[in-house]
Amino acid sequence: MSHRLAVGSTVVLVLLASSAVFADFAQNVSDSLGFVLGAYAVKASQGDREDRQESKQLTSALLATAAVTQGLKEVVHSERPVGSGDDSFPSMHVSLASAWATVAGNHHPKQRWVFDAYAGAMAWSRVDLDRHRQRDVLAGALIGAAIGKHYSAQHGGYVLGKMSW
């Protein structure tokens, strides 16, 4: 059932947001692609089997990408170009945009260029705004694309387990 996805996703985000260690994680996810999760939850509740499959793959890919990216940020502690913090590497915005573009492009190959253009624009903007260096966005793009490709190839999401939709 689709309400299980909405409830499960909400519980995960609330638990992550309540933890001091994951406060930045929750902020990055909500800033970057939280709206996409909501849109895909609606799609999962109103769509056919393919829509539900895409929603499950996307949600799993975004959660895994966010976890890997935040984990690296906690270990690397790379200073941002403007000196506003030590969480520059890798870019959360770009990793999530790349994961989304990869999963969405797999399900909608004719529109893949739109998704890739969005991820590319996100990467460019993060460097242009001095939020990240080129290496930060390149690493984010590689992480997101790799995890997105992994979940696109799956018939179910490992992060969410075997939920009945």
N, C-alpha and C. Protein backbone atom coordinates (compact mmCIF):
# COMPACT_ATOMS: atom_id res chain seq x y z
N MET A 1 0.83 -1.18 0.00
CA MET A 1 0.00 0.00 0.00
C MET A 1 0.88 1.25 0.00
N SER A 2 0.42 2.27 -0.69
CA SER A 2 1.22 3.50 -0.82
C SER A 2 1.32 4.25 0.50
N HIS A 3 0.31 4.13 1.37
CA HIS A 3 0.39 4.83 2.65
C HIS A 3 1.54 4.29 3.50
N ARG A 4 1.93 3.03 3.27
CA ARG A 4 3.08 2.48 4.01
C ARG A 4 4.36 3.20 3.62
N LEU A 5 4.50 3.54 2.32
CA LEU A 5 5.68 4.28 1.88
C LEU A 5 5.71 5.64 2.55
N ALA A 6 4.58 6.34 2.55
CA ALA A 6 4.53 7.68 3.14
C ALA A 6 4.84 7.61 4.63
N VAL A 7 4.24 6.66 5.34
CA VAL A 7 4.47 6.53 6.77
C VAL A 7 5.91 6.11 7.03
N GLY A 8 6.41 5.13 6.28
CA GLY A 8 7.78 4.66 6.46
C GLY A 8 8.80 5.75 6.19
N SER A 9 8.60 6.50 5.10
CA SER A 9 9.52 7.58 4.77
C SER A 9 9.48 8.67 5.83
N THR A 10 8.28 8.98 6.32
CA THR A 10 8.14 10.00 7.35
C THR A 10 8.84 9.57 8.63
N VAL A 11 8.68 8.32 9.03
CA VAL A 11 9.31 7.82 10.25
C VAL A 11 10.82 7.89 10.13
N VAL A 12 11.36 7.46 8.97
CA VAL A 12 12.81 7.50 8.76
C VAL A 12 13.32 8.93 8.86
N LEU A 13 12.66 9.86 8.19
CA LEU A 13 13.11 11.26 8.20
C LEU A 13 12.99 11.88 9.59
N VAL A 14 11.93 11.55 10.33
CA VAL A 14 11.78 12.09 11.68
C VAL A 14 12.88 11.55 12.60
N LEU A 15 13.17 10.25 12.49
CA LEU A 15 14.24 9.67 13.32
C LEU A 15 15.58 10.30 12.99
N LEU A 16 15.85 10.48 11.71
CA LEU A 16 17.12 11.09 11.32
C LEU A 16 17.19 12.54 11.76
N ALA A 17 16.10 13.27 11.63
CA ALA A 17 16.08 14.68 12.00
C ALA A 17 16.23 14.85 13.51
N SER A 18 15.77 13.88 14.30
CA SER A 18 15.84 14.01 15.76
C SER A 18 17.24 13.74 16.30
N SER A 19 18.09 13.15 15.52
CA SER A 19 19.44 12.84 15.96
C SER A 19 20.37 14.01 15.66
N ALA A 20 21.15 14.43 16.65
CA ALA A 20 22.07 15.54 16.45
C ALA A 20 23.10 15.22 15.39
N VAL A 21 23.53 13.97 15.30
CA VAL A 21 24.52 13.56 14.31
C VAL A 21 23.97 13.73 12.90
N PHE A 22 22.68 13.53 12.73
CA PHE A 22 22.09 13.57 11.40
C PHE A 22 21.31 14.85 11.11
N ALA A 23 21.53 15.89 11.90
CA ALA A 23 20.81 17.14 11.67
C ALA A 23 21.17 17.74 10.31
N ASP A 24 22.46 17.75 9.97
CA ASP A 24 22.87 18.26 8.65
C ASP A 24 22.35 17.38 7.54
N PHE A 25 22.35 16.07 7.77
CA PHE A 25 21.82 15.11 6.80
C PHE A 25 20.37 15.45 6.46
N ALA A 26 19.54 15.62 7.47
CA ALA A 26 18.13 15.91 7.25
C ALA A 26 17.95 17.25 6.53
N GLN A 27 18.75 18.23 6.90
CA GLN A 27 18.65 19.55 6.26
C GLN A 27 19.03 19.45 4.78
N ASN A 28 20.11 18.74 4.47
CA ASN A 28 20.53 18.58 3.09
C ASN A 28 19.49 17.85 2.26
N VAL A 29 18.92 16.80 2.81
CA VAL A 29 17.91 16.04 2.07
C VAL A 29 16.68 16.92 1.81
N SER A 30 16.23 17.62 2.82
CA SER A 30 15.04 18.45 2.63
C SER A 30 15.32 19.61 1.69
N ASP A 31 16.51 20.20 1.77
CA ASP A 31 16.86 21.29 0.85
C ASP A 31 16.95 20.81 -0.58
N SER A 32 17.45 19.61 -0.79
CA SER A 32 17.79 19.15 -2.12
C SER A 32 16.63 18.50 -2.85
N LEU A 33 16.16 17.39 -2.33
CA LEU A 33 15.19 16.62 -3.10
C LEU A 33 14.01 16.10 -2.28
N GLY A 34 13.74 16.73 -1.15
CA GLY A 34 12.60 16.30 -0.36
C GLY A 34 11.30 16.38 -1.13
N PHE A 35 11.17 17.40 -1.96
CA PHE A 35 9.95 17.56 -2.77
C PHE A 35 9.79 16.41 -3.76
N VAL A 36 10.89 15.86 -4.24
CA VAL A 36 10.81 14.74 -5.19
C VAL A 36 10.25 13.50 -4.51
N LEU A 37 10.68 13.24 -3.27
CA LEU A 37 10.13 12.11 -2.54
C LEU A 37 8.62 12.23 -2.39
N GLY A 38 8.15 13.43 -2.09
CA GLY A 38 6.70 13.64 -1.98
C GLY A 38 5.99 13.40 -3.29
N ALA A 39 6.54 13.90 -4.38
CA ALA A 39 5.93 13.70 -5.70
C ALA A 39 5.89 12.23 -6.07
N TYR A 40 6.96 11.51 -5.77
CA TYR A 40 6.97 10.09 -6.09
C TYR A 40 6.07 9.28 -5.17
N ALA A 41 5.85 9.72 -3.95
CA ALA A 41 4.90 9.04 -3.07
C ALA A 41 3.50 9.16 -3.63
N VAL A 42 3.15 10.34 -4.15
CA VAL A 42 1.85 10.52 -4.80
C VAL A 42 1.76 9.63 -6.03
N LYS A 43 2.81 9.60 -6.83
CA LYS A 43 2.84 8.77 -8.03
C LYS A 43 2.66 7.30 -7.68
N ALA A 44 3.31 6.86 -6.60
CA ALA A 44 3.20 5.47 -6.17
C ALA A 44 1.78 5.12 -5.76
N SER A 45 1.09 6.08 -5.15
CA SER A 45 -0.26 5.80 -4.67
C SER A 45 -1.28 5.82 -5.79
N GLN A 46 -0.99 6.52 -6.88
CA GLN A 46 -1.97 6.66 -7.95
C GLN A 46 -1.59 5.92 -9.23
N GLY A 47 -0.38 5.40 -9.28
CA GLY A 47 0.13 4.83 -10.52
C GLY A 47 -0.03 3.33 -10.61
N ASP A 48 0.47 2.80 -11.73
CA ASP A 48 0.44 1.37 -11.96
C ASP A 48 1.68 0.72 -11.35
N ARG A 49 1.88 -0.56 -11.65
CA ARG A 49 2.99 -1.31 -11.08
C ARG A 49 4.35 -0.67 -11.42
N GLU A 50 4.53 -0.21 -12.66
CA GLU A 50 5.78 0.43 -13.08
C GLU A 50 6.03 1.71 -12.28
N ASP A 51 4.98 2.49 -12.05
CA ASP A 51 5.12 3.71 -11.25
C ASP A 51 5.55 3.38 -9.82
N ARG A 52 4.96 2.35 -9.25
CA ARG A 52 5.32 1.94 -7.89
C ARG A 52 6.76 1.45 -7.83
N GLN A 53 7.17 0.70 -8.87
CA GLN A 53 8.54 0.22 -8.93
C GLN A 53 9.53 1.38 -9.00
N GLU A 54 9.23 2.34 -9.86
CA GLU A 54 10.09 3.52 -9.99
C GLU A 54 10.16 4.27 -8.66
N SER A 55 9.05 4.44 -7.99
CA SER A 55 9.02 5.15 -6.71
C SER A 55 9.85 4.44 -5.66
N LYS A 56 9.74 3.14 -5.60
CA LYS A 56 10.50 2.37 -4.63
C LYS A 56 11.99 2.45 -4.93
N GLN A 57 12.37 2.33 -6.19
CA GLN A 57 13.78 2.42 -6.56
C GLN A 57 14.33 3.82 -6.25
N LEU A 58 13.56 4.83 -6.58
CA LEU A 58 14.02 6.20 -6.35
C LEU A 58 14.19 6.48 -4.86
N THR A 59 13.21 6.12 -4.06
CA THR A 59 13.27 6.37 -2.63
C THR A 59 14.47 5.64 -2.01
N SER A 60 14.66 4.39 -2.39
CA SER A 60 15.80 3.63 -1.87
C SER A 60 17.12 4.25 -2.30
N ALA A 61 17.21 4.65 -3.56
CA ALA A 61 18.44 5.26 -4.08
C ALA A 61 18.74 6.57 -3.37
N LEU A 62 17.74 7.40 -3.14
CA LEU A 62 17.97 8.68 -2.48
C LEU A 62 18.38 8.50 -1.02
N LEU A 63 17.74 7.58 -0.32
CA LEU A 63 18.11 7.35 1.08
C LEU A 63 19.53 6.79 1.18
N ALA A 64 19.88 5.84 0.32
CA ALA A 64 21.23 5.26 0.34
C ALA A 64 22.26 6.32 -0.06
N THR A 65 21.95 7.12 -1.07
CA THR A 65 22.88 8.16 -1.51
C THR A 65 23.11 9.18 -0.40
N ALA A 66 22.04 9.59 0.25
CA ALA A 66 22.18 10.56 1.34
C ALA A 66 23.02 9.99 2.48
N ALA A 67 22.81 8.72 2.80
CA ALA A 67 23.57 8.10 3.89
C ALA A 67 25.06 8.01 3.55
N VAL A 68 25.37 7.57 2.34
CA VAL A 68 26.78 7.44 1.93
C VAL A 68 27.44 8.82 1.89
N THR A 69 26.75 9.79 1.29
CA THR A 69 27.31 11.13 1.18
C THR A 69 27.55 11.75 2.55
N GLN A 70 26.58 11.65 3.44
CA GLN A 70 26.74 12.22 4.78
C GLN A 70 27.84 11.49 5.54
N GLY A 71 27.93 10.18 5.36
CA GLY A 71 29.00 9.43 6.01
C GLY A 71 30.37 9.92 5.59
N LEU A 72 30.55 10.18 4.30
CA LEU A 72 31.82 10.71 3.82
C LEU A 72 32.09 12.11 4.37
N LYS A 73 31.05 12.93 4.44
CA LYS A 73 31.22 14.28 5.01
C LYS A 73 31.73 14.20 6.45
N GLU A 74 31.20 13.25 7.21
CA GLU A 74 31.58 13.09 8.62
C GLU A 74 33.03 12.63 8.77
N VAL A 75 33.55 11.92 7.77
CA VAL A 75 34.90 11.39 7.84
C VAL A 75 35.92 12.37 7.25
N VAL A 76 35.58 13.01 6.13
CA VAL A 76 36.54 13.82 5.38
C VAL A 76 36.76 15.21 5.99
N HIS A 77 35.71 15.90 6.38
CA HIS A 77 35.79 17.25 6.95
C HIS A 77 36.55 18.22 6.04
N SER A 78 36.09 18.37 4.82
CA SER A 78 36.72 19.27 3.85
C SER A 78 36.12 20.68 3.97
N GLU A 79 36.97 21.67 4.10
CA GLU A 79 36.55 23.06 4.23
C GLU A 79 35.85 23.54 2.96
N ARG A 80 34.75 24.26 3.12
CA ARG A 80 34.06 24.84 1.97
C ARG A 80 34.88 26.00 1.40
N PRO A 81 34.70 26.30 0.11
CA PRO A 81 35.48 27.38 -0.50
C PRO A 81 35.34 28.73 0.20
N VAL A 82 34.17 29.02 0.73
CA VAL A 82 33.96 30.30 1.41
C VAL A 82 34.23 30.21 2.91
N GLY A 83 34.69 29.04 3.35
CA GLY A 83 35.02 28.87 4.76
C GLY A 83 33.84 28.78 5.69
N SER A 84 32.67 28.41 5.19
CA SER A 84 31.46 28.39 6.02
C SER A 84 31.22 27.05 6.71
N GLY A 85 32.16 26.14 6.63
CA GLY A 85 31.99 24.86 7.29
C GLY A 85 32.98 23.84 6.77
N ASP A 86 32.98 22.67 7.41
CA ASP A 86 33.92 21.63 7.01
C ASP A 86 33.20 20.41 6.43
N ASP A 87 32.12 20.68 5.71
CA ASP A 87 31.32 19.58 5.15
C ASP A 87 31.18 19.71 3.64
N SER A 88 32.24 20.10 2.97
CA SER A 88 32.17 20.36 1.54
C SER A 88 32.20 19.09 0.69
N PHE A 89 32.95 18.09 1.12
CA PHE A 89 33.16 16.89 0.29
C PHE A 89 32.40 15.71 0.85
N PRO A 90 31.61 15.07 0.00
CA PRO A 90 31.15 15.41 -1.35
C PRO A 90 29.87 16.25 -1.28
N SER A 91 29.45 16.77 -2.41
CA SER A 91 28.25 17.60 -2.46
C SER A 91 26.99 16.75 -2.32
N MET A 92 26.22 17.02 -1.27
CA MET A 92 24.95 16.31 -1.05
C MET A 92 23.95 16.66 -2.15
N HIS A 93 23.85 17.94 -2.51
CA HIS A 93 22.91 18.35 -3.54
C HIS A 93 23.17 17.61 -4.84
N VAL A 94 24.42 17.53 -5.24
CA VAL A 94 24.77 16.91 -6.51
C VAL A 94 24.61 15.39 -6.45
N SER A 95 24.97 14.78 -5.33
CA SER A 95 24.81 13.33 -5.24
C SER A 95 23.33 12.94 -5.33
N LEU A 96 22.46 13.68 -4.66
CA LEU A 96 21.03 13.38 -4.72
C LEU A 96 20.45 13.67 -6.11
N ALA A 97 20.87 14.78 -6.72
CA ALA A 97 20.39 15.10 -8.06
C ALA A 97 20.83 14.04 -9.06
N SER A 98 22.04 13.53 -8.92
CA SER A 98 22.55 12.51 -9.83
C SER A 98 21.85 11.18 -9.63
N ALA A 99 21.58 10.82 -8.39
CA ALA A 99 20.84 9.58 -8.13
C ALA A 99 19.45 9.67 -8.74
N TRP A 100 18.78 10.80 -8.53
CA TRP A 100 17.45 11.00 -9.09
C TRP A 100 17.48 10.95 -10.62
N ALA A 101 18.44 11.63 -11.22
CA ALA A 101 18.55 11.67 -12.68
C ALA A 101 18.79 10.27 -13.24
N THR A 102 19.59 9.49 -12.55
CA THR A 102 19.90 8.13 -13.03
C THR A 102 18.67 7.23 -12.98
N VAL A 103 17.97 7.23 -11.85
CA VAL A 103 16.78 6.38 -11.72
C VAL A 103 15.67 6.86 -12.66
N ALA A 104 15.40 8.15 -12.67
CA ALA A 104 14.35 8.69 -13.54
C ALA A 104 14.69 8.46 -15.01
N GLY A 105 15.96 8.65 -15.39
CA GLY A 105 16.37 8.44 -16.77
C GLY A 105 16.24 7.00 -17.20
N ASN A 106 16.44 6.07 -16.27
CA ASN A 106 16.27 4.65 -16.58
C ASN A 106 14.81 4.34 -16.89
N HIS A 107 13.91 4.98 -16.19
CA HIS A 107 12.48 4.72 -16.40
C HIS A 107 11.89 5.55 -17.53
N HIS A 108 12.53 6.64 -17.88
CA HIS A 108 12.03 7.54 -18.93
C HIS A 108 13.18 7.90 -19.87
N PRO A 109 13.63 6.93 -20.67
CA PRO A 109 14.84 7.16 -21.49
C PRO A 109 14.73 8.32 -22.48
N LYS A 110 13.56 8.60 -22.99
CA LYS A 110 13.41 9.71 -23.95
C LYS A 110 13.61 11.07 -23.27
N GLN A 111 13.37 11.15 -21.98
CA GLN A 111 13.54 12.39 -21.24
C GLN A 111 14.83 12.42 -20.42
N ARG A 112 15.68 11.41 -20.60
CA ARG A 112 16.92 11.32 -19.81
C ARG A 112 17.73 12.61 -19.86
N TRP A 113 17.76 13.25 -21.03
CA TRP A 113 18.55 14.46 -21.19
C TRP A 113 18.08 15.57 -20.24
N VAL A 114 16.78 15.61 -19.96
CA VAL A 114 16.25 16.62 -19.04
C VAL A 114 16.77 16.36 -17.62
N PHE A 115 16.72 15.12 -17.20
CA PHE A 115 17.19 14.76 -15.86
C PHE A 115 18.69 15.02 -15.73
N ASP A 116 19.44 14.62 -16.76
CA ASP A 116 20.89 14.84 -16.74
C ASP A 116 21.22 16.33 -16.75
N ALA A 117 20.45 17.11 -17.49
CA ALA A 117 20.68 18.56 -17.52
C ALA A 117 20.43 19.17 -16.14
N TYR A 118 19.40 18.68 -15.46
CA TYR A 118 19.12 19.16 -14.10
C TYR A 118 20.30 18.86 -13.18
N ALA A 119 20.79 17.62 -13.21
CA ALA A 119 21.92 17.25 -12.35
C ALA A 119 23.16 18.07 -12.71
N GLY A 120 23.38 18.29 -13.99
CA GLY A 120 24.52 19.10 -14.42
C GLY A 120 24.41 20.54 -13.96
N ALA A 121 23.20 21.09 -14.07
CA ALA A 121 22.97 22.46 -13.62
C ALA A 121 23.17 22.58 -12.11
N MET A 122 22.76 21.56 -11.38
CA MET A 122 22.97 21.55 -9.93
C MET A 122 24.46 21.57 -9.63
N ALA A 123 25.22 20.73 -10.33
CA ALA A 123 26.67 20.68 -10.11
C ALA A 123 27.33 22.02 -10.43
N TRP A 124 26.96 22.60 -11.55
CA TRP A 124 27.53 23.88 -11.96
C TRP A 124 27.20 24.96 -10.93
N SER A 125 25.96 24.99 -10.47
CA SER A 125 25.55 26.04 -9.54
C SER A 125 26.28 25.95 -8.21
N ARG A 126 26.56 24.74 -7.74
CA ARG A 126 27.24 24.57 -6.45
C ARG A 126 28.67 25.12 -6.50
N VAL A 127 29.32 24.96 -7.67
CA VAL A 127 30.67 25.52 -7.84
C VAL A 127 30.58 27.02 -8.06
N ASP A 128 29.65 27.44 -8.90
CA ASP A 128 29.49 28.86 -9.22
C ASP A 128 29.15 29.70 -7.99
N LEU A 129 28.40 29.13 -7.07
CA LEU A 129 28.02 29.84 -5.84
C LEU A 129 29.08 29.72 -4.73
N ASP A 130 30.20 29.11 -5.05
CA ASP A 130 31.29 28.90 -4.09
C ASP A 130 30.88 28.07 -2.88
N ARG A 131 29.96 27.15 -3.08
CA ARG A 131 29.57 26.24 -2.01
C ARG A 131 30.46 24.99 -2.02
N HIS A 132 31.00 24.67 -3.22
CA HIS A 132 31.82 23.47 -3.39
C HIS A 132 32.92 23.72 -4.41
N ARG A 133 33.92 22.87 -4.35
CA ARG A 133 34.95 22.83 -5.38
C ARG A 133 34.53 21.79 -6.43
N GLN A 134 35.24 21.80 -7.56
CA GLN A 134 34.92 20.85 -8.62
C GLN A 134 35.03 19.41 -8.15
N ARG A 135 36.01 19.10 -7.33
CA ARG A 135 36.16 17.72 -6.85
C ARG A 135 34.96 17.29 -6.00
N ASP A 136 34.38 18.23 -5.26
CA ASP A 136 33.22 17.92 -4.41
C ASP A 136 32.02 17.51 -5.26
N VAL A 137 31.78 18.27 -6.33
CA VAL A 137 30.62 17.97 -7.17
C VAL A 137 30.88 16.74 -8.03
N LEU A 138 32.12 16.54 -8.46
CA LEU A 138 32.44 15.34 -9.23
C LEU A 138 32.23 14.09 -8.38
N ALA A 139 32.70 14.12 -7.15
CA ALA A 139 32.50 12.99 -6.24
C ALA A 139 31.01 12.76 -5.98
N GLY A 140 30.27 13.84 -5.75
CA GLY A 140 28.83 13.72 -5.54
C GLY A 140 28.13 13.11 -6.74
N ALA A 141 28.52 13.55 -7.94
CA ALA A 141 27.91 13.02 -9.16
C ALA A 141 28.20 11.54 -9.32
N LEU A 142 29.42 11.13 -9.05
CA LEU A 142 29.79 9.71 -9.17
C LEU A 142 29.06 8.85 -8.14
N ILE A 143 28.97 9.33 -6.92
CA ILE A 143 28.27 8.58 -5.87
C ILE A 143 26.79 8.42 -6.24
N GLY A 144 26.15 9.53 -6.60
CA GLY A 144 24.73 9.47 -6.94
C GLY A 144 24.44 8.60 -8.15
N ALA A 145 25.27 8.73 -9.18
CA ALA A 145 25.05 7.93 -10.39
C ALA A 145 25.25 6.44 -10.12
N ALA A 146 26.28 6.11 -9.35
CA ALA A 146 26.55 4.69 -9.05
C ALA A 146 25.42 4.07 -8.23
N ILE A 147 24.99 4.78 -7.20
CA ILE A 147 23.91 4.24 -6.36
C ILE A 147 22.60 4.22 -7.13
N GLY A 148 22.34 5.27 -7.91
CA GLY A 148 21.13 5.28 -8.75
C GLY A 148 21.11 4.13 -9.74
N LYS A 149 22.25 3.84 -10.35
CA LYS A 149 22.34 2.73 -11.30
C LYS A 149 22.10 1.40 -10.59
N HIS A 150 22.67 1.26 -9.39
CA HIS A 150 22.46 0.03 -8.62
C HIS A 150 20.98 -0.20 -8.34
N TYR A 151 20.30 0.81 -7.84
CA TYR A 151 18.89 0.63 -7.50
C TYR A 151 18.00 0.55 -8.73
N SER A 152 18.40 1.16 -9.83
CA SER A 152 17.62 1.05 -11.07
C SER A 152 17.62 -0.38 -11.59
N ALA A 153 18.68 -1.13 -11.30
CA ALA A 153 18.81 -2.50 -11.77
C ALA A 153 18.07 -3.49 -10.88
N GLN A 154 17.62 -3.04 -9.72
CA GLN A 154 16.96 -3.93 -8.77
C GLN A 154 15.46 -4.01 -9.04
N HIS A 155 14.88 -5.13 -8.65
CA HIS A 155 13.43 -5.27 -8.75
C HIS A 155 12.74 -4.83 -7.47
N GLY A 156 13.52 -4.44 -6.52
CA GLY A 156 12.99 -3.94 -5.25
C GLY A 156 14.08 -3.14 -4.58
N GLY A 157 13.72 -2.38 -3.58
CA GLY A 157 14.72 -1.57 -2.90
C GLY A 157 15.24 -2.25 -1.65
N TYR A 158 16.54 -2.31 -1.48
CA TYR A 158 17.12 -2.93 -0.30
C TYR A 158 16.93 -2.07 0.93
N VAL A 159 16.96 -0.77 0.77
CA VAL A 159 16.84 0.12 1.92
C VAL A 159 15.46 -0.03 2.54
N LEU A 160 14.44 -0.12 1.71
CA LEU A 160 13.07 -0.20 2.22
C LEU A 160 12.62 -1.63 2.49
N GLY A 161 13.38 -2.61 2.01
CA GLY A 161 13.02 -3.99 2.22
C GLY A 161 11.83 -4.39 1.39
N LYS A 162 11.16 -5.42 1.81
CA LYS A 162 10.03 -5.96 1.04
C LYS A 162 8.73 -5.37 1.58
N MET A 163 8.44 -4.17 1.13
CA MET A 163 7.19 -3.53 1.50
C MET A 163 6.14 -3.90 0.47
N SER A 164 4.91 -4.05 0.89
CA SER A 164 3.87 -4.32 -0.09
C SER A 164 3.25 -3.01 -0.51
N TRP A 165 3.26 -2.78 -1.80
CA TRP A 165 2.77 -1.51 -2.35
C TRP A 165 1.45 -1.75 -2.98
